[in-house]
Amino acid sequence: MLTTHLRCRRQLVEKKLLQIFIGLTVFSFLCVSAGSAQSLEERLNKFGKKFGSGYVNPFVTAFGANLNSGLYHSADVETGIDVYVGAKFTFALIPASAQEFDADLSELNSLRGALPPYQTPVKTATFFGNKGTKVPGSILPGDTLQLPNGTNLKAVPVAVPHIMLGNIFGTRMMLRYLPAMKIDKYGELSFMGIGFQHNVGQWLPAPLPFDWSAHVMYQNMKIKPVVEATAFSLGTEISKTFMFATIYGGVAYESATMNFKFNWTPPPPLTQTPKEVKFDLSGDNTMRLTAGFALKLLFFHISADYSYAKQPVATLGLGIAI
């Protein structure tokens, strides 16, 4: 009877944890997708591909940097049973350089016919900026172009479930996954990631005074029908454990790409003819340096690190490890 009761309690806790992870992840994805009062699609659908790619470029960089964070909290991949189940909370810290850009309005100018062209390029807010610029057109009433405001976000949070299973011949598998689910007016959200971490130090002729491993990770996130994002990370890391504490650091090459699809309807006084726009955009993610520490108390595991890159990221990890 007691065993059955404990099993039911454990299943209830696991179910609650899964609900929390899903809720946090959905909330995080929709926060960065929706911005404030307007969705990302609503911010783009009057201004075309060239404007849109510049407006969302920092968004792609920040989101990709978040996904590529929290992949490891140790370089120790010794062969044996090793299981971690938890969540990684990542915070892309938005630099001032990501808040403005030079907007290309040539697509809108090509539709103005005999009307004088808008000034282009013009400095205005990115997705993370503040107020969008007002661009004067002609003397016609209402012929002033209001570029979209930004979200004025200083940090972008993302929370994802993170599972690590190992270790077979010095190799650990990393998993991130959410099943496809309908999210109100935003469409269908799905997310998955898979990667591996391998013990490099085992191939050396003499043991090292620290642990050394390498990792590769691929992730894919979709919010149908507007956005699909992929992130990739390839890197190497070292760590040193002192009783229940671990310090770790690493270097990685990373990339991130988003595919956007939305309907473009130019603003008045231009002809209001809807047109489907599609484009792929790569973020400015390239190299990162990471340093952090982790604590393991019984089965509970906590980690924190900071990644220095063009898009810096702070990460907090909470989980259960055996």
Protein backbone atom coordinates (compact mmCIF):
# COMPACT_ATOMS: atom_id res chain seq x y z
CA MET A 1 0.00 0.00 0.00
CA LEU A 2 2.77 2.44 0.97
CA THR A 3 4.72 1.60 -2.19
CA THR A 4 1.65 2.25 -4.36
CA HIS A 5 1.03 5.54 -2.57
CA LEU A 6 4.61 6.68 -3.11
CA ARG A 7 4.46 5.69 -6.77
CA CYS A 8 1.27 7.73 -7.26
CA ARG A 9 2.85 10.70 -5.48
CA ARG A 10 5.92 10.48 -7.70
CA GLN A 11 3.80 10.30 -10.87
CA LEU A 12 1.80 13.34 -9.69
CA VAL A 13 5.01 15.30 -9.06
CA GLU A 14 6.40 14.32 -12.46
CA LYS A 15 3.15 15.39 -14.14
CA LYS A 16 3.19 18.74 -12.31
CA LEU A 17 6.82 19.32 -13.28
CA LEU A 18 6.01 18.56 -16.92
CA GLN A 19 3.08 21.00 -16.81
CA ILE A 20 5.33 23.68 -15.32
CA PHE A 21 8.00 23.13 -17.99
CA ILE A 22 5.45 23.28 -20.81
CA GLY A 23 3.80 26.36 -19.32
CA LEU A 24 7.10 28.19 -18.91
CA THR A 25 8.24 27.32 -22.41
CA VAL A 26 4.97 28.33 -24.05
CA PHE A 27 4.92 31.57 -22.03
CA SER A 28 8.52 32.35 -23.03
CA PHE A 29 7.99 31.64 -26.73
CA LEU A 30 4.86 33.74 -26.84
CA CYS A 31 6.42 36.61 -24.91
CA VAL A 32 9.07 37.08 -27.55
CA SER A 33 6.66 36.30 -30.38
CA ALA A 34 3.89 38.60 -29.26
CA GLY A 35 5.96 41.46 -27.89
CA SER A 36 3.40 43.65 -26.15
CA ALA A 37 0.04 44.58 -27.64
CA GLN A 38 0.92 43.48 -31.19
CA SER A 39 2.05 40.12 -32.46
CA LEU A 40 5.22 39.89 -34.52
CA GLU A 41 3.15 39.30 -37.65
CA GLU A 42 1.14 42.48 -37.02
CA ARG A 43 4.39 44.45 -36.68
CA LEU A 44 5.65 43.22 -40.05
CA ASN A 45 2.66 42.98 -42.36
CA LYS A 46 2.64 46.58 -43.65
CA PHE A 47 6.31 47.01 -44.48
CA GLY A 48 7.63 44.21 -46.70
CA LYS A 49 10.61 41.88 -46.75
CA LYS A 50 13.51 44.36 -46.73
CA PHE A 51 12.18 46.31 -43.76
CA GLY A 52 11.12 43.13 -41.97
CA SER A 53 14.51 41.43 -42.20
CA GLY A 54 16.26 44.37 -40.53
CA TYR A 55 13.54 44.78 -37.89
CA VAL A 56 13.66 41.16 -36.70
CA ASN A 57 17.39 40.42 -37.12
CA PRO A 58 18.20 41.08 -33.41
CA PHE A 59 15.18 38.93 -32.46
CA VAL A 60 16.63 36.00 -34.44
CA THR A 61 20.06 36.50 -32.84
CA ALA A 62 18.68 36.69 -29.29
CA PHE A 63 16.33 33.75 -29.65
CA GLY A 64 18.99 31.57 -31.21
CA ALA A 65 21.48 32.52 -28.48
CA ASN A 66 18.91 31.50 -25.85
CA LEU A 67 18.31 28.11 -27.43
CA ASN A 68 22.05 27.45 -27.67
CA SER A 69 22.52 28.13 -23.94
CA GLY A 70 22.41 25.77 -20.98
CA LEU A 71 23.49 22.76 -23.04
CA TYR A 72 25.93 21.50 -20.39
CA HIS A 73 26.90 22.11 -16.77
CA SER A 74 29.90 19.78 -16.60
CA ALA A 75 32.48 18.21 -18.89
CA ASP A 76 32.49 14.99 -16.84
CA VAL A 77 31.20 12.26 -19.18
CA GLU A 78 32.68 9.17 -17.56
CA THR A 79 31.07 5.89 -18.65
CA GLY A 80 28.27 4.88 -16.25
CA ILE A 81 24.70 5.75 -15.25
CA ASP A 82 24.06 9.49 -15.45
CA VAL A 83 20.56 10.99 -15.66
CA TYR A 84 19.51 14.65 -15.43
CA VAL A 85 15.93 15.95 -15.73
CA GLY A 86 15.33 19.64 -15.33
CA ALA A 87 14.75 23.00 -16.96
CA LYS A 88 17.11 25.63 -18.33
CA PHE A 89 16.10 29.27 -17.91
CA THR A 90 18.01 31.49 -20.31
CA PHE A 91 18.05 35.28 -20.50
CA ALA A 92 19.45 36.99 -23.61
CA LEU A 93 20.63 40.43 -22.45
CA ILE A 94 19.83 42.88 -25.25
CA PRO A 95 22.73 45.26 -26.09
CA ALA A 96 22.10 48.88 -27.11
CA SER A 97 23.37 48.09 -30.62
CA ALA A 98 20.36 45.78 -31.14
CA GLN A 99 17.75 48.49 -30.50
CA GLU A 100 18.03 50.52 -33.73
CA PHE A 101 18.72 49.80 -37.39
CA ASP A 102 18.78 51.56 -40.76
CA ALA A 103 15.48 50.62 -42.38
CA ASP A 104 15.31 49.99 -46.14
CA LEU A 105 12.02 51.42 -47.47
CA SER A 106 12.77 50.84 -51.16
CA GLU A 107 9.99 48.24 -51.52
CA LEU A 108 7.41 50.78 -50.34
CA ASN A 109 8.93 53.47 -52.59
CA SER A 110 8.52 51.18 -55.61
CA LEU A 111 4.73 51.31 -55.02
CA ARG A 112 4.43 55.09 -54.66
CA GLY A 113 4.29 55.85 -58.39
CA ALA A 114 4.23 59.64 -58.91
CA LEU A 115 4.35 60.35 -55.16
CA PRO A 116 7.73 61.46 -53.80
CA PRO A 117 9.69 58.58 -52.24
CA TYR A 118 10.11 58.11 -48.51
CA GLN A 119 13.55 58.84 -47.13
CA THR A 120 15.60 55.66 -47.16
CA PRO A 121 17.42 54.34 -45.29
CA VAL A 122 15.97 55.77 -42.09
CA LYS A 123 17.00 54.96 -38.52
CA THR A 124 14.21 53.41 -36.47
CA ALA A 125 13.47 50.88 -33.74
CA THR A 126 14.16 47.18 -34.11
CA PHE A 127 11.93 44.60 -32.46
CA PHE A 128 13.80 45.36 -29.22
CA GLY A 129 13.83 49.13 -29.66
CA ASN A 130 11.49 51.83 -28.39
CA LYS A 131 9.49 54.16 -30.66
CA GLY A 132 9.24 53.66 -34.40
CA THR A 133 10.13 56.63 -36.62
CA LYS A 134 7.52 58.72 -38.45
CA VAL A 135 8.58 59.18 -42.07
CA PRO A 136 6.97 62.11 -43.97
CA GLY A 137 5.74 61.39 -47.49
CA SER A 138 3.96 64.12 -49.50
CA ILE A 139 1.53 66.93 -48.72
CA LEU A 140 -1.40 64.56 -49.15
CA PRO A 141 -3.46 64.06 -45.96
CA GLY A 142 -2.38 60.99 -44.09
CA ASP A 143 0.74 60.42 -46.18
CA THR A 144 3.04 59.87 -43.22
CA LEU A 145 4.53 56.46 -42.65
CA GLN A 146 4.56 55.28 -39.03
CA LEU A 147 7.14 52.54 -38.64
CA PRO A 148 6.35 49.95 -35.95
CA ASN A 149 7.40 50.44 -32.36
CA GLY A 150 9.69 47.98 -30.66
CA THR A 151 8.96 46.01 -27.51
CA ASN A 152 11.55 47.92 -25.42
CA LEU A 153 12.73 44.59 -23.97
CA LYS A 154 16.08 44.62 -22.15
CA ALA A 155 16.21 40.84 -21.76
CA VAL A 156 14.52 37.91 -23.52
CA PRO A 157 13.66 34.94 -21.28
CA VAL A 158 13.25 31.40 -22.57
CA ALA A 159 12.59 28.28 -20.46
CA VAL A 160 12.99 24.80 -21.91
CA PRO A 161 12.85 21.27 -20.46
CA HIS A 162 16.32 19.69 -20.59
CA ILE A 163 17.12 15.97 -20.25
CA MET A 164 20.55 14.33 -20.25
CA LEU A 165 20.97 10.54 -20.48
CA GLY A 166 24.25 8.64 -20.32
CA ASN A 167 26.90 7.62 -20.34
CA ILE A 168 27.71 4.95 -22.95
CA PHE A 169 31.38 4.73 -23.96
CA GLY A 170 31.86 8.28 -22.67
CA THR A 171 28.90 9.70 -24.61
CA ARG A 172 25.84 11.47 -23.20
CA MET A 173 22.62 12.29 -25.07
CA MET A 174 20.85 15.63 -24.59
CA LEU A 175 17.13 16.01 -25.29
CA ARG A 176 14.73 18.96 -25.39
CA TYR A 177 11.14 18.35 -26.44
CA LEU A 178 7.60 19.72 -26.38
CA PRO A 179 4.73 18.00 -28.22
CA ALA A 180 2.81 20.00 -30.82
CA MET A 181 0.02 22.03 -29.23
CA LYS A 182 -2.49 24.65 -30.34
CA ILE A 183 -1.83 28.09 -28.82
CA ASP A 184 -4.88 30.32 -29.14
CA LYS A 185 -4.57 32.72 -32.12
CA TYR A 186 -0.83 32.13 -32.61
CA GLY A 187 -1.11 28.71 -34.24
CA GLU A 188 0.58 25.43 -33.43
CA LEU A 189 3.73 25.38 -31.28
CA SER A 190 6.23 22.52 -31.36
CA PHE A 191 9.83 22.24 -30.16
CA MET A 192 12.55 19.59 -30.17
CA GLY A 193 16.29 19.39 -29.73
CA ILE A 194 18.81 16.57 -29.74
CA GLY A 195 22.53 16.56 -29.09
CA PHE A 196 25.49 14.60 -27.78
CA GLN A 197 28.35 15.31 -25.39
CA HIS A 198 31.48 13.14 -25.66
CA ASN A 199 34.42 12.61 -23.31
CA VAL A 200 37.45 13.83 -25.28
CA GLY A 201 39.86 13.30 -22.40
CA GLN A 202 39.48 9.52 -22.53
CA TRP A 203 41.43 9.39 -25.78
CA LEU A 204 44.54 11.03 -24.36
CA PRO A 205 47.50 8.86 -23.33
CA ALA A 206 47.66 10.45 -19.84
CA PRO A 207 44.84 11.65 -17.56
CA LEU A 208 44.17 15.37 -17.28
CA PRO A 209 43.72 17.28 -14.00
CA PHE A 210 40.27 18.30 -15.26
CA ASP A 211 37.44 16.85 -17.38
CA TRP A 212 37.34 17.65 -21.10
CA SER A 213 34.42 17.01 -23.47
CA ALA A 214 32.88 18.23 -26.71
CA HIS A 215 29.24 18.67 -27.76
CA VAL A 216 26.99 19.06 -30.78
CA MET A 217 23.34 20.15 -30.55
CA TYR A 218 20.51 20.80 -33.05
CA GLN A 219 17.16 22.39 -32.14
CA ASN A 220 13.99 23.25 -34.06
CA MET A 221 11.04 25.38 -32.96
CA LYS A 222 7.87 26.13 -34.95
CA ILE A 223 4.95 28.46 -34.37
CA LYS A 224 2.86 27.59 -37.41
CA PRO A 225 2.14 29.23 -39.74
CA VAL A 226 4.36 32.30 -39.12
CA VAL A 227 7.78 31.29 -37.74
CA GLU A 228 10.15 28.34 -37.85
CA ALA A 229 13.52 28.55 -36.08
CA THR A 230 16.58 26.31 -35.99
CA ALA A 231 19.66 26.55 -33.77
CA PHE A 232 22.98 24.72 -33.94
CA SER A 233 25.91 24.55 -31.52
CA LEU A 234 29.30 22.83 -31.78
CA GLY A 235 31.81 23.30 -29.00
CA THR A 236 34.19 22.01 -26.38
CA GLU A 237 34.21 22.46 -22.60
CA ILE A 238 36.26 21.69 -19.49
CA SER A 239 35.26 21.37 -15.84
CA LYS A 240 36.65 20.60 -12.40
CA THR A 241 34.64 19.12 -9.53
CA PHE A 242 35.36 19.76 -5.84
CA MET A 243 33.10 17.56 -3.68
CA PHE A 244 29.59 18.83 -4.51
CA ALA A 245 30.65 21.90 -6.54
CA THR A 246 31.74 22.10 -10.19
CA ILE A 247 33.25 24.97 -12.12
CA TYR A 248 33.05 24.78 -15.91
CA GLY A 249 33.70 26.76 -19.05
CA GLY A 250 33.76 26.32 -22.78
CA VAL A 251 33.91 27.78 -26.26
CA ALA A 252 31.40 27.08 -29.02
CA TYR A 253 30.52 27.93 -32.60
CA GLU A 254 26.80 28.59 -32.95
CA SER A 255 24.25 29.56 -35.56
CA ALA A 256 20.54 30.37 -35.69
CA THR A 257 18.08 30.72 -38.56
CA MET A 258 14.43 31.72 -38.71
CA ASN A 259 11.96 31.32 -41.53
CA PHE A 260 9.23 33.99 -41.64
CA LYS A 261 5.96 33.94 -43.56
CA PHE A 262 3.28 36.65 -43.42
CA ASN A 263 0.87 38.64 -45.59
CA TRP A 264 2.12 42.08 -46.65
CA THR A 265 -0.56 44.76 -47.11
CA PRO A 266 1.07 48.18 -47.78
CA PRO A 267 -0.26 51.11 -45.70
CA PRO A 268 -2.38 53.98 -47.20
CA PRO A 269 -2.17 55.82 -49.54
CA LEU A 270 -0.54 52.88 -51.34
CA THR A 271 -2.64 50.25 -53.07
CA GLN A 272 -4.01 47.82 -50.47
CA THR A 273 -3.17 44.59 -52.31
CA PRO A 274 -2.18 41.70 -50.00
CA LYS A 275 0.95 39.77 -50.95
CA GLU A 276 2.54 36.76 -49.26
CA VAL A 277 6.10 37.36 -48.06
CA LYS A 278 8.59 34.63 -47.16
CA PHE A 279 12.22 34.94 -46.15
CA ASP A 280 14.93 33.13 -44.19
CA LEU A 281 17.11 35.11 -41.84
CA SER A 282 20.31 34.10 -40.06
CA GLY A 283 21.21 35.70 -36.74
CA ASP A 284 24.57 37.23 -35.89
CA ASN A 285 25.43 34.22 -33.71
CA THR A 286 29.00 32.96 -34.30
CA MET A 287 31.28 32.28 -31.32
CA ARG A 288 30.70 32.30 -27.57
CA LEU A 289 32.73 31.86 -24.40
CA THR A 290 30.94 30.40 -21.36
CA ALA A 291 31.87 30.25 -17.67
CA GLY A 292 29.75 28.90 -14.82
CA PHE A 293 29.38 26.81 -11.71
CA ALA A 294 27.10 23.99 -10.54
CA LEU A 295 26.06 22.54 -7.18
CA LYS A 296 24.70 19.06 -6.52
CA LEU A 297 23.02 18.47 -3.17
CA LEU A 298 21.72 14.90 -2.89
CA PHE A 299 19.55 14.58 -6.02
CA PHE A 300 19.01 18.30 -6.54
CA HIS A 301 21.12 20.12 -9.10
CA ILE A 302 21.51 23.86 -9.70
CA SER A 303 23.77 25.58 -12.23
CA ALA A 304 24.39 29.12 -13.40
CA ASP A 305 26.58 30.48 -16.19
CA TYR A 306 27.23 33.48 -18.38
CA SER A 307 28.08 33.40 -22.09
CA TYR A 308 30.13 36.24 -23.57
CA ALA A 309 29.28 36.84 -27.22
CA LYS A 310 27.83 39.48 -29.53
CA GLN A 311 24.54 38.44 -27.90
CA PRO A 312 25.35 37.71 -24.22
CA VAL A 313 23.20 35.21 -22.30
CA ALA A 314 22.78 34.37 -18.61
CA THR A 315 21.52 30.87 -17.76
CA LEU A 316 20.05 29.21 -14.69
CA GLY A 317 19.51 25.45 -14.53
CA LEU A 318 17.34 23.59 -12.03
CA GLY A 319 16.93 19.83 -12.04
CA ILE A 320 17.23 16.40 -10.50
CA ALA A 321 20.34 14.33 -11.18
CA ILE A 322 21.52 10.81 -10.38
